[in-house]
């Protein structure tokens, strides 16, 4: 098992994104159920695959 100190900056960044996605997913499930959360994540993946997400302005 890899220790946190052995992770590269890129790996730590990716872990942080996975943590954020997990937190948002849990919020969506709590508010609207699993079907909504899964549909939202699938739709986001399709937008990324179709290069539509890059046209959206970042929130910050």
C-alpha atoms as a PDB file:
ATOM      1  CA  UNK A   1       0.000   0.000   0.000  1.00  0.00           C
ATOM      2  CA  UNK A   2       1.322   3.451  -0.914  1.00  0.00           C
ATOM      3  CA  UNK A   3       1.834   5.878   1.924  1.00  0.00           C
ATOM      4  CA  UNK A   4       0.478   9.431   1.533  1.00  0.00           C
ATOM      5  CA  UNK A   5       4.027  10.757   1.749  1.00  0.00           C
ATOM      6  CA  UNK A   6       5.010   8.604  -1.249  1.00  0.00           C
ATOM      7  CA  UNK A   7       2.424  10.226  -3.522  1.00  0.00           C
ATOM      8  CA  UNK A   8       3.425  12.719  -6.157  1.00  0.00           C
ATOM      9  CA  UNK A   9       1.836  16.153  -6.283  1.00  0.00           C
ATOM     10  CA  UNK A  10      -0.272  14.928  -9.205  1.00  0.00           C
ATOM     11  CA  UNK A  11      -1.461  11.895  -7.228  1.00  0.00           C
ATOM     12  CA  UNK A  12      -2.394  14.076  -4.234  1.00  0.00           C
ATOM     13  CA  UNK A  13      -4.287  16.408  -6.563  1.00  0.00           C
ATOM     14  CA  UNK A  14      -6.181  13.500  -8.121  1.00  0.00           C
ATOM     15  CA  UNK A  15      -7.011  12.126  -4.659  1.00  0.00           C
ATOM     16  CA  UNK A  16      -8.383  15.520  -3.663  1.00  0.00           C
ATOM     17  CA  UNK A  17     -10.649  15.552  -6.734  1.00  0.00           C
ATOM     18  CA  UNK A  18     -11.880  12.023  -5.970  1.00  0.00           C
ATOM     19  CA  UNK A  19     -12.657  13.134  -2.419  1.00  0.00           C
ATOM     20  CA  UNK A  20     -14.616  16.139  -3.679  1.00  0.00           C
ATOM     21  CA  UNK A  21     -16.532  14.010  -6.200  1.00  0.00           C
ATOM     22  CA  UNK A  22     -17.385  11.505  -3.454  1.00  0.00           C
ATOM     23  CA  UNK A  23     -18.647  14.294  -1.183  1.00  0.00           C
ATOM     24  CA  UNK A  24     -20.794  15.866  -3.915  1.00  0.00           C
ATOM     25  CA  UNK A  25     -22.093  12.427  -4.895  1.00  0.00           C
ATOM     26  CA  UNK A  26     -23.165  11.753  -1.311  1.00  0.00           C
ATOM     27  CA  UNK A  27     -24.922  15.137  -1.171  1.00  0.00           C
ATOM     28  CA  UNK A  28     -26.768  14.405  -4.428  1.00  0.00           C
ATOM     29  CA  UNK A  29     -27.814  10.962  -3.193  1.00  0.00           C
ATOM     30  CA  UNK A  30     -29.058  12.436   0.070  1.00  0.00           C
ATOM     31  CA  UNK A  31     -31.021  15.164  -1.672  1.00  0.00           C
ATOM     32  CA  UNK A  32     -32.339  13.373  -4.770  1.00  0.00           C
ATOM     33  CA  UNK A  33     -31.418   9.676  -4.667  1.00  0.00           C
ATOM     34  CA  UNK A  34     -28.971   7.345  -6.381  1.00  0.00           C
ATOM     35  CA  UNK A  35     -30.572   7.551  -9.827  1.00  0.00           C
ATOM     36  CA  UNK A  36     -30.134  11.324  -9.919  1.00  0.00           C
ATOM     37  CA  UNK A  37     -26.522  11.119  -8.730  1.00  0.00           C
ATOM     38  CA  UNK A  38     -25.599   8.415 -11.251  1.00  0.00           C
ATOM     39  CA  UNK A  39     -27.380  10.217 -14.087  1.00  0.00           C
ATOM     40  CA  UNK A  40     -25.602  13.446 -13.273  1.00  0.00           C
ATOM     41  CA  UNK A  41     -22.186  11.784 -13.238  1.00  0.00           C
ATOM     42  CA  UNK A  42     -22.888   9.915 -16.486  1.00  0.00           C
ATOM     43  CA  UNK A  43     -24.062  13.144 -18.119  1.00  0.00           C
ATOM     44  CA  UNK A  44     -20.911  14.919 -16.945  1.00  0.00           C
ATOM     45  CA  UNK A  45     -18.792  12.107 -18.422  1.00  0.00           C
ATOM     46  CA  UNK A  46     -20.634  12.418 -21.741  1.00  0.00           C
ATOM     47  CA  UNK A  47     -20.090  16.179 -21.794  1.00  0.00           C
ATOM     48  CA  UNK A  48     -16.378  15.636 -21.187  1.00  0.00           C
ATOM     49  CA  UNK A  49     -16.213  12.958 -23.911  1.00  0.00           C
ATOM     50  CA  UNK A  50     -18.035  15.253 -26.345  1.00  0.00           C
ATOM     51  CA  UNK A  51     -15.785  18.190 -25.358  1.00  0.00           C
ATOM     52  CA  UNK A  52     -18.812  20.220 -24.283  1.00  0.00           C
ATOM     53  CA  UNK A  53     -17.643  20.789 -20.733  1.00  0.00           C
ATOM     54  CA  UNK A  54     -14.616  22.815 -21.841  1.00  0.00           C
ATOM     55  CA  UNK A  55     -16.978  25.499 -23.163  1.00  0.00           C
ATOM     56  CA  UNK A  56     -18.435  26.051 -19.696  1.00  0.00           C
ATOM     57  CA  UNK A  57     -16.911  28.792 -17.555  1.00  0.00           C
ATOM     58  CA  UNK A  58     -15.253  27.552 -14.343  1.00  0.00           C
ATOM     59  CA  UNK A  59     -17.050  28.574 -11.137  1.00  0.00           C
ATOM     60  CA  UNK A  60     -13.974  30.378  -9.751  1.00  0.00           C
END
